[in-house]
Amino acid sequence: MKFLALVKSSEKYRTAGPPQALMEAMGRYVQESFASGRVIDTGGLKPSSAAIRVRIEQGKLTVTDGPFTEAKEVIGGWAILKVSSRAEALENCKAFMDLHRQYWPEWDGTSEVFEMEEYG
């Protein structure tokens, strides 16, 4: 089964960036996850100031450059997991989020995990 895990938080945390200790801990965790096959791909995203929003509303297409100040949370990172169950996806996500709790205690954020549909 494949899952998409998203990490979201306020963009206020992007100015200073994560502590080096968190980056090192995440690096070790991600490498172990790649080696075990639980993680297929992962990455971080730049702030919304570097983003573009394309929206269709009432049949009209609009394009807006970031930043998106109305957003309470923005996606900061993502991972594609390949695991045997939803419970295993949850355990992986909890372990990753726990690194944030340990190494960046003032950080507040969420992770959302979506089961992916396979087409074709």
PDB file of N, CA and C in Angstrom:
ATOM      1  N   MET A   1       0.841  -1.176   0.000  1.00  0.00           N
ATOM      2  CA  MET A   1       0.000   0.000   0.000  1.00  0.00           C
ATOM      3  C   MET A   1       0.890   1.243   0.000  1.00  0.00           C
ATOM      4  N   LYS A   2       0.448   2.258  -0.727  1.00  0.00           N
ATOM      5  CA  LYS A   2       1.188   3.512  -0.748  1.00  0.00           C
ATOM      6  C   LYS A   2       0.381   4.600  -0.044  1.00  0.00           C
ATOM      7  N   PHE A   3       1.117   5.457   0.656  1.00  0.00           N
ATOM      8  CA  PHE A   3       0.520   6.581   1.372  1.00  0.00           C
ATOM      9  C   PHE A   3       1.327   7.834   1.086  1.00  0.00           C
ATOM     10  N   LEU A   4       0.629   8.965   1.073  1.00  0.00           N
ATOM     11  CA  LEU A   4       1.272  10.268   0.969  1.00  0.00           C
ATOM     12  C   LEU A   4       1.155  10.922   2.335  1.00  0.00           C
ATOM     13  N   ALA A   5       2.284  11.252   2.935  1.00  0.00           N
ATOM     14  CA  ALA A   5       2.304  11.932   4.232  1.00  0.00           C
ATOM     15  C   ALA A   5       2.732  13.374   4.011  1.00  0.00           C
ATOM     16  N   LEU A   6       1.950  14.301   4.544  1.00  0.00           N
ATOM     17  CA  LEU A   6       2.247  15.728   4.439  1.00  0.00           C
ATOM     18  C   LEU A   6       2.519  16.278   5.825  1.00  0.00           C
ATOM     19  N   VAL A   7       3.505  17.150   5.944  1.00  0.00           N
ATOM     20  CA  VAL A   7       3.793  17.844   7.193  1.00  0.00           C
ATOM     21  C   VAL A   7       3.433  19.309   6.979  1.00  0.00           C
ATOM     22  N   LYS A   8       2.577  19.827   7.868  1.00  0.00           N
ATOM     23  CA  LYS A   8       2.082  21.191   7.723  1.00  0.00           C
ATOM     24  C   LYS A   8       2.324  21.974   9.004  1.00  0.00           C
ATOM     25  N   SER A   9       2.607  23.259   8.830  1.00  0.00           N
ATOM     26  CA  SER A   9       2.764  24.136   9.994  1.00  0.00           C
ATOM     27  C   SER A   9       2.592  25.574   9.536  1.00  0.00           C
ATOM     28  N   SER A  10       2.631  26.472  10.481  1.00  0.00           N
ATOM     29  CA  SER A  10       2.577  27.890  10.164  1.00  0.00           C
ATOM     30  C   SER A  10       3.845  28.268   9.416  1.00  0.00           C
ATOM     31  N   GLU A  11       3.706  29.190   8.494  1.00  0.00           N
ATOM     32  CA  GLU A  11       4.877  29.616   7.729  1.00  0.00           C
ATOM     33  C   GLU A  11       5.868  30.408   8.584  1.00  0.00           C
ATOM     34  N   LYS A  12       5.449  30.802   9.773  1.00  0.00           N
ATOM     35  CA  LYS A  12       6.358  31.551  10.656  1.00  0.00           C
ATOM     36  C   LYS A  12       7.607  30.737  11.003  1.00  0.00           C
ATOM     37  N   TYR A  13       7.512  29.406  10.970  1.00  0.00           N
ATOM     38  CA  TYR A  13       8.661  28.562  11.297  1.00  0.00           C
ATOM     39  C   TYR A  13       9.681  28.520  10.165  1.00  0.00           C
ATOM     40  N   ARG A  14       9.335  29.021   8.983  1.00  0.00           N
ATOM     41  CA  ARG A  14      10.220  28.935   7.825  1.00  0.00           C
ATOM     42  C   ARG A  14      11.303  29.997   7.841  1.00  0.00           C
ATOM     43  N   THR A  15      11.115  31.089   8.574  1.00  0.00           N
ATOM     44  CA  THR A  15      12.117  32.164   8.552  1.00  0.00           C
ATOM     45  C   THR A  15      13.447  31.711   9.127  1.00  0.00           C
ATOM     46  N   ALA A  16      13.408  31.137  10.297  1.00  0.00           N
ATOM     47  CA  ALA A  16      14.651  30.690  10.927  1.00  0.00           C
ATOM     48  C   ALA A  16      15.056  29.299  10.453  1.00  0.00           C
ATOM     49  N   GLY A  17      14.097  28.507  10.040  1.00  0.00           N
ATOM     50  CA  GLY A  17      14.381  27.141   9.621  1.00  0.00           C
ATOM     51  C   GLY A  17      14.523  26.217  10.813  1.00  0.00           C
ATOM     52  N   PRO A  18      14.507  24.925  10.566  1.00  0.00           N
ATOM     53  CA  PRO A  18      14.598  23.948  11.646  1.00  0.00           C
ATOM     54  C   PRO A  18      15.984  23.902  12.269  1.00  0.00           C
ATOM     55  N   PRO A  19      16.071  23.514  13.524  1.00  0.00           N
ATOM     56  CA  PRO A  19      17.379  23.356  14.172  1.00  0.00           C
ATOM     57  C   PRO A  19      18.219  22.287  13.467  1.00  0.00           C
ATOM     58  N   GLN A  20      19.515  22.467  13.487  1.00  0.00           N
ATOM     59  CA  GLN A  20      20.434  21.519  12.854  1.00  0.00           C
ATOM     60  C   GLN A  20      20.267  20.108  13.424  1.00  0.00           C
ATOM     61  N   ALA A  21      20.026  20.008  14.732  1.00  0.00           N
ATOM     62  CA  ALA A  21      19.862  18.687  15.346  1.00  0.00           C
ATOM     63  C   ALA A  21      18.660  17.952  14.754  1.00  0.00           C
ATOM     64  N   LEU A  22      17.584  18.680  14.470  1.00  0.00           N
ATOM     65  CA  LEU A  22      16.412  18.059  13.842  1.00  0.00           C
ATOM     66  C   LEU A  22      16.757  17.602  12.433  1.00  0.00           C
ATOM     67  N   MET A  23      17.445  18.431  11.676  1.00  0.00           N
ATOM     68  CA  MET A  23      17.815  18.056  10.311  1.00  0.00           C
ATOM     69  C   MET A  23      18.669  16.785  10.300  1.00  0.00           C
ATOM     70  N   GLU A  24      19.592  16.679  11.244  1.00  0.00           N
ATOM     71  CA  GLU A  24      20.439  15.488  11.326  1.00  0.00           C
ATOM     72  C   GLU A  24      19.620  14.260  11.710  1.00  0.00           C
ATOM     73  N   ALA A  25      18.718  14.406  12.679  1.00  0.00           N
ATOM     74  CA  ALA A  25      17.875  13.284  13.106  1.00  0.00           C
ATOM     75  C   ALA A  25      16.948  12.849  11.969  1.00  0.00           C
ATOM     76  N   MET A  26      16.374  13.830  11.259  1.00  0.00           N
ATOM     77  CA  MET A  26      15.507  13.491  10.127  1.00  0.00           C
ATOM     78  C   MET A  26      16.317  12.811   9.028  1.00  0.00           C
ATOM     79  N   GLY A  27      17.527  13.273   8.798  1.00  0.00           N
ATOM     80  CA  GLY A  27      18.383  12.652   7.788  1.00  0.00           C
ATOM     81  C   GLY A  27      18.627  11.183   8.082  1.00  0.00           C
ATOM     82  N   ARG A  28      18.947  10.884   9.349  1.00  0.00           N
ATOM     83  CA  ARG A  28      19.160   9.477   9.743  1.00  0.00           C
ATOM     84  C   ARG A  28      17.877   8.660   9.569  1.00  0.00           C
ATOM     85  N   TYR A  29      16.760   9.220  10.031  1.00  0.00           N
ATOM     86  CA  TYR A  29      15.479   8.511   9.951  1.00  0.00           C
ATOM     87  C   TYR A  29      15.090   8.249   8.494  1.00  0.00           C
ATOM     88  N   VAL A  30      15.238   9.251   7.652  1.00  0.00           N
ATOM     89  CA  VAL A  30      14.865   9.098   6.248  1.00  0.00           C
ATOM     90  C   VAL A  30      15.771   8.069   5.569  1.00  0.00           C
ATOM     91  N   GLN A  31      17.063   8.102   5.842  1.00  0.00           N
ATOM     92  CA  GLN A  31      17.975   7.121   5.238  1.00  0.00           C
ATOM     93  C   GLN A  31      17.613   5.698   5.666  1.00  0.00           C
ATOM     94  N   GLU A  32      17.308   5.515   6.952  1.00  0.00           N
ATOM     95  CA  GLU A  32      16.873   4.192   7.441  1.00  0.00           C
ATOM     96  C   GLU A  32      15.574   3.769   6.760  1.00  0.00           C
ATOM     97  N   SER A  33      14.669   4.733   6.568  1.00  0.00           N
ATOM     98  CA  SER A  33      13.386   4.425   5.934  1.00  0.00           C
ATOM     99  C   SER A  33      13.557   4.066   4.462  1.00  0.00           C
ATOM    100  N   PHE A  34      14.482   4.741   3.768  1.00  0.00           N
ATOM    101  CA  PHE A  34      14.780   4.383   2.378  1.00  0.00           C
ATOM    102  C   PHE A  34      15.370   2.975   2.330  1.00  0.00           C
ATOM    103  N   ALA A  35      16.309   2.700   3.219  1.00  0.00           N
ATOM    104  CA  ALA A  35      16.980   1.393   3.227  1.00  0.00           C
ATOM    105  C   ALA A  35      15.995   0.259   3.490  1.00  0.00           C
ATOM    106  N   SER A  36      15.000   0.497   4.344  1.00  0.00           N
ATOM    107  CA  SER A  36      14.024  -0.550   4.666  1.00  0.00           C
ATOM    108  C   SER A  36      12.941  -0.669   3.603  1.00  0.00           C
ATOM    109  N   GLY A  37      12.848   0.318   2.709  1.00  0.00           N
ATOM    110  CA  GLY A  37      11.817   0.302   1.678  1.00  0.00           C
ATOM    111  C   GLY A  37      10.509   0.936   2.100  1.00  0.00           C
ATOM    112  N   ARG A  38      10.431   1.436   3.358  1.00  0.00           N
ATOM    113  CA  ARG A  38       9.185   2.055   3.843  1.00  0.00           C
ATOM    114  C   ARG A  38       8.931   3.405   3.200  1.00  0.00           C
ATOM    115  N   VAL A  39       9.995   4.092   2.797  1.00  0.00           N
ATOM    116  CA  VAL A  39       9.846   5.398   2.151  1.00  0.00           C
ATOM    117  C   VAL A  39      10.377   5.281   0.730  1.00  0.00           C
ATOM    118  N   ILE A  40       9.563   5.729  -0.227  1.00  0.00           N
ATOM    119  CA  ILE A  40       9.940   5.700  -1.638  1.00  0.00           C
ATOM    120  C   ILE A  40      10.582   7.020  -2.042  1.00  0.00           C
ATOM    121  N   ASP A  41      10.019   8.133  -1.549  1.00  0.00           N
ATOM    122  CA  ASP A  41      10.544   9.447  -1.888  1.00  0.00           C
ATOM    123  C   ASP A  41      10.112  10.434  -0.812  1.00  0.00           C
ATOM    124  N   THR A  42      10.845  11.515  -0.677  1.00  0.00           N
ATOM    125  CA  THR A  42      10.531  12.522   0.325  1.00  0.00           C
ATOM    126  C   THR A  42      11.137  13.854  -0.096  1.00  0.00           C
ATOM    127  N   GLY A  43      10.647  14.915   0.488  1.00  0.00           N
ATOM    128  CA  GLY A  43      11.215  16.214   0.179  1.00  0.00           C
ATOM    129  C   GLY A  43      10.580  17.327   0.983  1.00  0.00           C
ATOM    130  N   GLY A  44      11.211  18.474   0.945  1.00  0.00           N
ATOM    131  CA  GLY A  44      10.692  19.668   1.590  1.00  0.00           C
ATOM    132  C   GLY A  44      10.266  20.664   0.531  1.00  0.00           C
ATOM    133  N   LEU A  45       9.475  21.632   0.945  1.00  0.00           N
ATOM    134  CA  LEU A  45       8.985  22.643   0.024  1.00  0.00           C
ATOM    135  C   LEU A  45       9.469  24.022   0.440  1.00  0.00           C
ATOM    136  N   LYS A  46       9.656  24.873  -0.530  1.00  0.00           N
ATOM    137  CA  LYS A  46      10.032  26.256  -0.262  1.00  0.00           C
ATOM    138  C   LYS A  46       8.817  26.999   0.288  1.00  0.00           C
ATOM    139  N   PRO A  47       9.014  28.164   0.890  1.00  0.00           N
ATOM    140  CA  PRO A  47       7.882  28.941   1.417  1.00  0.00           C
ATOM    141  C   PRO A  47       6.882  29.306   0.325  1.00  0.00           C
ATOM    142  N   SER A  48       5.673  29.670   0.735  1.00  0.00           N
ATOM    143  CA  SER A  48       4.631  29.988  -0.245  1.00  0.00           C
ATOM    144  C   SER A  48       4.978  31.221  -1.075  1.00  0.00           C
ATOM    145  N   SER A  49       5.948  32.018  -0.644  1.00  0.00           N
ATOM    146  CA  SER A  49       6.365  33.162  -1.456  1.00  0.00           C
ATOM    147  C   SER A  49       6.943  32.707  -2.796  1.00  0.00           C
ATOM    148  N   ALA A  50       7.374  31.453  -2.889  1.00  0.00           N
ATOM    149  CA  ALA A  50       7.919  30.906  -4.130  1.00  0.00           C
ATOM    150  C   ALA A  50       6.880  30.077  -4.889  1.00  0.00           C
ATOM    151  N   ALA A  51       5.628  30.075  -4.415  1.00  0.00           N
ATOM    152  CA  ALA A  51       4.600  29.211  -4.985  1.00  0.00           C
ATOM    153  C   ALA A  51       3.666  29.969  -5.932  1.00  0.00           C
ATOM    154  N   ILE A  52       2.904  29.192  -6.678  1.00  0.00           N
ATOM    155  CA  ILE A  52       1.883  29.711  -7.586  1.00  0.00           C
ATOM    156  C   ILE A  52       0.595  28.934  -7.300  1.00  0.00           C
ATOM    157  N   ARG A  53      -0.510  29.637  -7.234  1.00  0.00           N
ATOM    158  CA  ARG A  53      -1.815  28.984  -7.049  1.00  0.00           C
ATOM    159  C   ARG A  53      -2.599  29.126  -8.348  1.00  0.00           C
ATOM    160  N   VAL A  54      -3.120  28.005  -8.847  1.00  0.00           N
ATOM    161  CA  VAL A  54      -3.991  27.997 -10.019  1.00  0.00           C
ATOM    162  C   VAL A  54      -5.348  27.504  -9.536  1.00  0.00           C
ATOM    163  N   ARG A  55      -6.369  28.309  -9.738  1.00  0.00           N
ATOM    164  CA  ARG A  55      -7.694  28.007  -9.183  1.00  0.00           C
ATOM    165  C   ARG A  55      -8.759  28.148 -10.264  1.00  0.00           C
ATOM    166  N   ILE A  56      -9.748  27.258 -10.206  1.00  0.00           N
ATOM    167  CA  ILE A  56     -10.952  27.406 -11.017  1.00  0.00           C
ATOM    168  C   ILE A  56     -12.094  27.654 -10.049  1.00  0.00           C
ATOM    169  N   GLU A  57     -12.767  28.757 -10.247  1.00  0.00           N
ATOM    170  CA  GLU A  57     -13.900  29.130  -9.416  1.00  0.00           C
ATOM    171  C   GLU A  57     -14.988  29.690 -10.323  1.00  0.00           C
ATOM    172  N   GLN A  58     -16.159  29.043 -10.258  1.00  0.00           N
ATOM    173  CA  GLN A  58     -17.291  29.424 -11.104  1.00  0.00           C
ATOM    174  C   GLN A  58     -16.885  29.478 -12.579  1.00  0.00           C
ATOM    175  N   GLY A  59     -16.098  28.492 -12.992  1.00  0.00           N
ATOM    176  CA  GLY A  59     -15.697  28.367 -14.382  1.00  0.00           C
ATOM    177  C   GLY A  59     -14.568  29.284 -14.819  1.00  0.00           C
ATOM    178  N   LYS A  60     -14.058  30.129 -13.934  1.00  0.00           N
ATOM    179  CA  LYS A  60     -12.988  31.066 -14.278  1.00  0.00           C
ATOM    180  C   LYS A  60     -11.667  30.577 -13.688  1.00  0.00           C
ATOM    181  N   LEU A  61     -10.640  30.568 -14.527  1.00  0.00           N
ATOM    182  CA  LEU A  61      -9.305  30.148 -14.101  1.00  0.00           C
ATOM    183  C   LEU A  61      -8.506  31.381 -13.701  1.00  0.00           C
ATOM    184  N   THR A  62      -7.923  31.342 -12.510  1.00  0.00           N
ATOM    185  CA  THR A  62      -7.072  32.442 -12.056  1.00  0.00           C
ATOM    186  C   THR A  62      -5.734  31.883 -11.593  1.00  0.00           C
ATOM    187  N   VAL A  63      -4.712  32.708 -11.734  1.00  0.00           N
ATOM    188  CA  VAL A  63      -3.363  32.351 -11.295  1.00  0.00           C
ATOM    189  C   VAL A  63      -2.911  33.429 -10.311  1.00  0.00           C
ATOM    190  N   THR A  64      -2.416  32.995  -9.138  1.00  0.00           N
ATOM    191  CA  THR A  64      -1.973  33.919  -8.105  1.00  0.00           C
ATOM    192  C   THR A  64      -0.575  33.517  -7.648  1.00  0.00           C
ATOM    193  N   ASP A  65       0.327  34.482  -7.610  1.00  0.00           N
ATOM    194  CA  ASP A  65       1.655  34.234  -7.052  1.00  0.00           C
ATOM    195  C   ASP A  65       1.582  34.310  -5.536  1.00  0.00           C
ATOM    196  N   GLY A  66       2.425  33.516  -4.852  1.00  0.00           N
ATOM    197  CA  GLY A  66       2.509  33.572  -3.403  1.00  0.00           C
ATOM    198  C   GLY A  66       3.187  34.854  -2.963  1.00  0.00           C
ATOM    199  N   PRO A  67       3.253  35.135  -1.705  1.00  0.00           N
ATOM    200  CA  PRO A  67       2.840  34.268  -0.589  1.00  0.00           C
ATOM    201  C   PRO A  67       1.326  34.271  -0.387  1.00  0.00           C
ATOM    202  N   PHE A  68       0.864  33.235   0.270  1.00  0.00           N
ATOM    203  CA  PHE A  68      -0.560  33.062   0.520  1.00  0.00           C
ATOM    204  C   PHE A  68      -0.826  33.357   1.990  1.00  0.00           C
ATOM    205  N   THR A  69      -0.975  34.613   2.301  1.00  0.00           N
ATOM    206  CA  THR A  69      -1.078  35.066   3.696  1.00  0.00           C
ATOM    207  C   THR A  69      -2.335  34.573   4.382  1.00  0.00           C
ATOM    208  N   GLU A  70      -3.366  34.209   3.622  1.00  0.00           N
ATOM    209  CA  GLU A  70      -4.595  33.738   4.250  1.00  0.00           C
ATOM    210  C   GLU A  70      -4.491  32.292   4.746  1.00  0.00           C
ATOM    211  N   ALA A  71      -3.454  31.597   4.343  1.00  0.00           N
ATOM    212  CA  ALA A  71      -3.276  30.201   4.750  1.00  0.00           C
ATOM    213  C   ALA A  71      -2.808  30.137   6.202  1.00  0.00           C
ATOM    214  N   LYS A  72      -3.520  29.351   7.023  1.00  0.00           N
ATOM    215  CA  LYS A  72      -3.108  29.179   8.422  1.00  0.00           C
ATOM    216  C   LYS A  72      -1.945  28.208   8.519  1.00  0.00           C
ATOM    217  N   GLU A  73      -1.945  27.212   7.647  1.00  0.00           N
ATOM    218  CA  GLU A  73      -0.861  26.243   7.602  1.00  0.00           C
ATOM    219  C   GLU A  73      -0.448  26.045   6.152  1.00  0.00           C
ATOM    220  N   VAL A  74       0.818  25.775   5.958  1.00  0.00           N
ATOM    221  CA  VAL A  74       1.328  25.450   4.628  1.00  0.00           C
ATOM    222  C   VAL A  74       2.058  24.116   4.705  1.00  0.00           C
ATOM    223  N   ILE A  75       2.142  23.447   3.580  1.00  0.00           N
ATOM    224  CA  ILE A  75       2.856  22.171   3.529  1.00  0.00           C
ATOM    225  C   ILE A  75       4.347  22.467   3.505  1.00  0.00           C
ATOM    226  N   GLY A  76       5.058  21.880   4.438  1.00  0.00           N
ATOM    227  CA  GLY A  76       6.496  22.083   4.511  1.00  0.00           C
ATOM    228  C   GLY A  76       7.284  20.921   3.951  1.00  0.00           C
ATOM    229  N   GLY A  77       6.673  19.732   3.955  1.00  0.00           N
ATOM    230  CA  GLY A  77       7.368  18.554   3.462  1.00  0.00           C
ATOM    231  C   GLY A  77       6.395  17.437   3.173  1.00  0.00           C
ATOM    232  N   TRP A  78       6.899  16.410   2.522  1.00  0.00           N
ATOM    233  CA  TRP A  78       6.065  15.286   2.119  1.00  0.00           C
ATOM    234  C   TRP A  78       6.910  14.026   2.032  1.00  0.00           C
ATOM    235  N   ALA A  79       6.227  12.894   2.081  1.00  0.00           N
ATOM    236  CA  ALA A  79       6.891  11.600   1.883  1.00  0.00           C
ATOM    237  C   ALA A  79       5.896  10.640   1.256  1.00  0.00           C
ATOM    238  N   ILE A  80       6.387   9.788   0.393  1.00  0.00           N
ATOM    239  CA  ILE A  80       5.581   8.698  -0.140  1.00  0.00           C
ATOM    240  C   ILE A  80       6.054   7.430   0.548  1.00  0.00           C
ATOM    241  N   LEU A  81       5.130   6.799   1.256  1.00  0.00           N
ATOM    242  CA  LEU A  81       5.424   5.586   2.021  1.00  0.00           C
ATOM    243  C   LEU A  81       4.926   4.363   1.267  1.00  0.00           C
ATOM    244  N   LYS A  82       5.639   3.265   1.394  1.00  0.00           N
ATOM    245  CA  LYS A  82       5.185   1.982   0.863  1.00  0.00           C
ATOM    246  C   LYS A  82       5.243   0.994   2.020  1.00  0.00           C
ATOM    247  N   VAL A  83       4.073   0.725   2.581  1.00  0.00           N
ATOM    248  CA  VAL A  83       3.974  -0.100   3.785  1.00  0.00           C
ATOM    249  C   VAL A  83       2.858  -1.121   3.611  1.00  0.00           C
ATOM    250  N   SER A  84       2.740  -2.023   4.566  1.00  0.00           N
ATOM    251  CA  SER A  84       1.756  -3.107   4.428  1.00  0.00           C
ATOM    252  C   SER A  84       0.377  -2.759   4.981  1.00  0.00           C
ATOM    253  N   SER A  85       0.269  -1.657   5.752  1.00  0.00           N
ATOM    254  CA  SER A  85      -1.029  -1.347   6.344  1.00  0.00           C
ATOM    255  C   SER A  85      -1.122   0.130   6.720  1.00  0.00           C
ATOM    256  N   ARG A  86      -2.340   0.557   6.973  1.00  0.00           N
ATOM    257  CA  ARG A  86      -2.583   1.913   7.456  1.00  0.00           C
ATOM    258  C   ARG A  86      -1.911   2.122   8.816  1.00  0.00           C
ATOM    259  N   ALA A  87      -1.953   1.086   9.659  1.00  0.00           N
ATOM    260  CA  ALA A  87      -1.334   1.172  10.987  1.00  0.00           C
ATOM    261  C   ALA A  87       0.178   1.401  10.866  1.00  0.00           C
ATOM    262  N   GLU A  88       0.807   0.744   9.904  1.00  0.00           N
ATOM    263  CA  GLU A  88       2.245   0.931   9.702  1.00  0.00           C
ATOM    264  C   GLU A  88       2.544   2.340   9.190  1.00  0.00           C
ATOM    265  N   ALA A  89       1.685   2.862   8.317  1.00  0.00           N
ATOM    266  CA  ALA A  89       1.847   4.243   7.845  1.00  0.00           C
ATOM    267  C   ALA A  89       1.740   5.208   9.020  1.00  0.00           C
ATOM    268  N   LEU A  90       0.784   4.978   9.895  1.00  0.00           N
ATOM    269  CA  LEU A  90       0.599   5.833  11.070  1.00  0.00           C
ATOM    270  C   LEU A  90       1.823   5.775  11.984  1.00  0.00           C
ATOM    271  N   GLU A  91       2.356   4.600  12.223  1.00  0.00           N
ATOM    272  CA  GLU A  91       3.538   4.471  13.082  1.00  0.00           C
ATOM    273  C   GLU A  91       4.735   5.223  12.499  1.00  0.00           C
ATOM    274  N   ASN A  92       4.928   5.127  11.196  1.00  0.00           N
ATOM    275  CA  ASN A  92       6.022   5.861  10.549  1.00  0.00           C
ATOM    276  C   ASN A  92       5.833   7.360  10.697  1.00  0.00           C
ATOM    277  N   CYS A  93       4.615   7.804  10.508  1.00  0.00           N
ATOM    278  CA  CYS A  93       4.322   9.229  10.601  1.00  0.00           C
ATOM    279  C   CYS A  93       4.515   9.728  12.037  1.00  0.00           C
ATOM    280  N   LYS A  94       4.068   8.965  13.011  1.00  0.00           N
ATOM    281  CA  LYS A  94       4.232   9.351  14.410  1.00  0.00           C
ATOM    282  C   LYS A  94       5.708   9.429  14.778  1.00  0.00           C
ATOM    283  N   ALA A  95       6.505   8.491  14.290  1.00  0.00           N
ATOM    284  CA  ALA A  95       7.941   8.499  14.584  1.00  0.00           C
ATOM    285  C   ALA A  95       8.610   9.737  13.985  1.00  0.00           C
ATOM    286  N   PHE A  96       8.215  10.101  12.763  1.00  0.00           N
ATOM    287  CA  PHE A  96       8.784  11.286  12.118  1.00  0.00           C
ATOM    288  C   PHE A  96       8.379  12.551  12.871  1.00  0.00           C
ATOM    289  N   MET A  97       7.113  12.644  13.249  1.00  0.00           N
ATOM    290  CA  MET A  97       6.644  13.819  13.985  1.00  0.00           C
ATOM    291  C   MET A  97       7.285  13.886  15.371  1.00  0.00           C
ATOM    292  N   ASP A  98       7.561  12.742  15.966  1.00  0.00           N
ATOM    293  CA  ASP A  98       8.190  12.727  17.286  1.00  0.00           C
ATOM    294  C   ASP A  98       9.589  13.346  17.236  1.00  0.00           C
ATOM    295  N   LEU A  99      10.262  13.225  16.093  1.00  0.00           N
ATOM    296  CA  LEU A  99      11.562  13.895  15.941  1.00  0.00           C
ATOM    297  C   LEU A  99      11.405  15.403  16.084  1.00  0.00           C
ATOM    298  N   HIS A 100      10.337  15.942  15.538  1.00  0.00           N
ATOM    299  CA  HIS A 100      10.070  17.380  15.684  1.00  0.00           C
ATOM    300  C   HIS A 100       9.831  17.739  17.145  1.00  0.00           C
ATOM    301  N   ARG A 101       9.062  16.904  17.843  1.00  0.00           N
ATOM    302  CA  ARG A 101       8.782  17.158  19.260  1.00  0.00           C
ATOM    303  C   ARG A 101      10.063  17.148  20.073  1.00  0.00           C
ATOM    304  N   GLN A 102      10.954  16.215  19.776  1.00  0.00           N
ATOM    305  CA  GLN A 102      12.201  16.087  20.534  1.00  0.00           C
ATOM    306  C   GLN A 102      13.195  17.206  20.222  1.00  0.00           C
ATOM    307  N   TYR A 103      13.380  17.522  18.943  1.00  0.00           N
ATOM    308  CA  TYR A 103      14.467  18.405  18.531  1.00  0.00           C
ATOM    309  C   TYR A 103      14.047  19.844  18.234  1.00  0.00           C
ATOM    310  N   TRP A 104      12.727  20.115  18.227  1.00  0.00           N
ATOM    311  CA  TRP A 104      12.229  21.472  17.979  1.00  0.00           C
ATOM    312  C   TRP A 104      10.978  21.662  18.826  1.00  0.00           C
ATOM    313  N   PRO A 105      11.128  21.661  20.159  1.00  0.00           N
ATOM    314  CA  PRO A 105       9.974  21.625  21.066  1.00  0.00           C
ATOM    315  C   PRO A 105       8.996  22.786  20.915  1.00  0.00           C
ATOM    316  N   GLU A 106       9.454  23.921  20.404  1.00  0.00           N
ATOM    317  CA  GLU A 106       8.538  25.061  20.248  1.00  0.00           C
ATOM    318  C   GLU A 106       7.723  24.982  18.953  1.00  0.00           C
ATOM    319  N   TRP A 107       8.016  24.014  18.091  1.00  0.00           N
ATOM    320  CA  TRP A 107       7.321  23.858  16.813  1.00  0.00           C
ATOM    321  C   TRP A 107       5.946  23.251  17.035  1.00  0.00           C
ATOM    322  N   ASP A 108       4.950  23.790  16.362  1.00  0.00           N
ATOM    323  CA  ASP A 108       3.607  23.223  16.335  1.00  0.00           C
ATOM    324  C   ASP A 108       3.268  22.917  14.885  1.00  0.00           C
ATOM    325  N   GLY A 109       2.747  21.746  14.634  1.00  0.00           N
ATOM    326  CA  GLY A 109       2.384  21.383  13.277  1.00  0.00           C
ATOM    327  C   GLY A 109       1.573  20.108  13.250  1.00  0.00           C
ATOM    328  N   THR A 110       1.189  19.718  12.063  1.00  0.00           N
ATOM    329  CA  THR A 110       0.390  18.513  11.877  1.00  0.00           C
ATOM    330  C   THR A 110       0.971  17.685  10.739  1.00  0.00           C
ATOM    331  N   SER A 111       0.591  16.439  10.732  1.00  0.00           N
ATOM    332  CA  SER A 111       0.893  15.575   9.610  1.00  0.00           C
ATOM    333  C   SER A 111      -0.403  14.909   9.192  1.00  0.00           C
ATOM    334  N   GLU A 112      -0.620  14.858   7.909  1.00  0.00           N
ATOM    335  CA  GLU A 112      -1.793  14.195   7.362  1.00  0.00           C
ATOM    336  C   GLU A 112      -1.309  13.076   6.464  1.00  0.00           C
ATOM    337  N   VAL A 113      -1.949  11.918   6.580  1.00  0.00           N
ATOM    338  CA  VAL A 113      -1.533  10.744   5.819  1.00  0.00           C
ATOM    339  C   VAL A 113      -2.718  10.298   4.963  1.00  0.00           C
ATOM    340  N   PHE A 114      -2.484  10.214   3.658  1.00  0.00           N
ATOM    341  CA  PHE A 114      -3.522   9.835   2.702  1.00  0.00           C
ATOM    342  C   PHE A 114      -3.138   8.537   2.008  1.00  0.00           C
ATOM    343  N   GLU A 115      -4.065   7.581   1.970  1.00  0.00           N
ATOM    344  CA  GLU A 115      -3.817   6.385   1.181  1.00  0.00           C
ATOM    345  C   GLU A 115      -3.923   6.770  -0.291  1.00  0.00           C
ATOM    346  N   MET A 116      -2.984   6.313  -1.069  1.00  0.00           N
ATOM    347  CA  MET A 116      -2.941   6.675  -2.488  1.00  0.00           C
ATOM    348  C   MET A 116      -3.702   5.627  -3.310  1.00  0.00           C
ATOM    349  N   GLU A 117      -4.390   6.105  -4.327  1.00  0.00           N
ATOM    350  CA  GLU A 117      -5.051   5.198  -5.265  1.00  0.00           C
ATOM    351  C   GLU A 117      -4.085   4.913  -6.409  1.00  0.00           C
ATOM    352  N   GLU A 118      -4.098   3.698  -6.850  1.00  0.00           N
ATOM    353  CA  GLU A 118      -3.235   3.300  -7.957  1.00  0.00           C
ATOM    354  C   GLU A 118      -4.103   3.223  -9.230  1.00  0.00           C
ATOM    355  N   TYR A 119      -3.677   3.932 -10.244  1.00  0.00           N
ATOM    356  CA  TYR A 119      -4.397   3.919 -11.518  1.00  0.00           C
ATOM    357  C   TYR A 119      -3.601   3.148 -12.548  1.00  0.00           C
ATOM    358  N   GLY A 120      -4.327   2.471 -13.411  1.00  0.00           N
ATOM    359  CA  GLY A 120      -3.681   1.794 -14.538  1.00  0.00           C
ATOM    360  C   GLY A 120      -3.183   0.494 -14.222  1.00  0.00           C
TER     361      GLY A 120
END
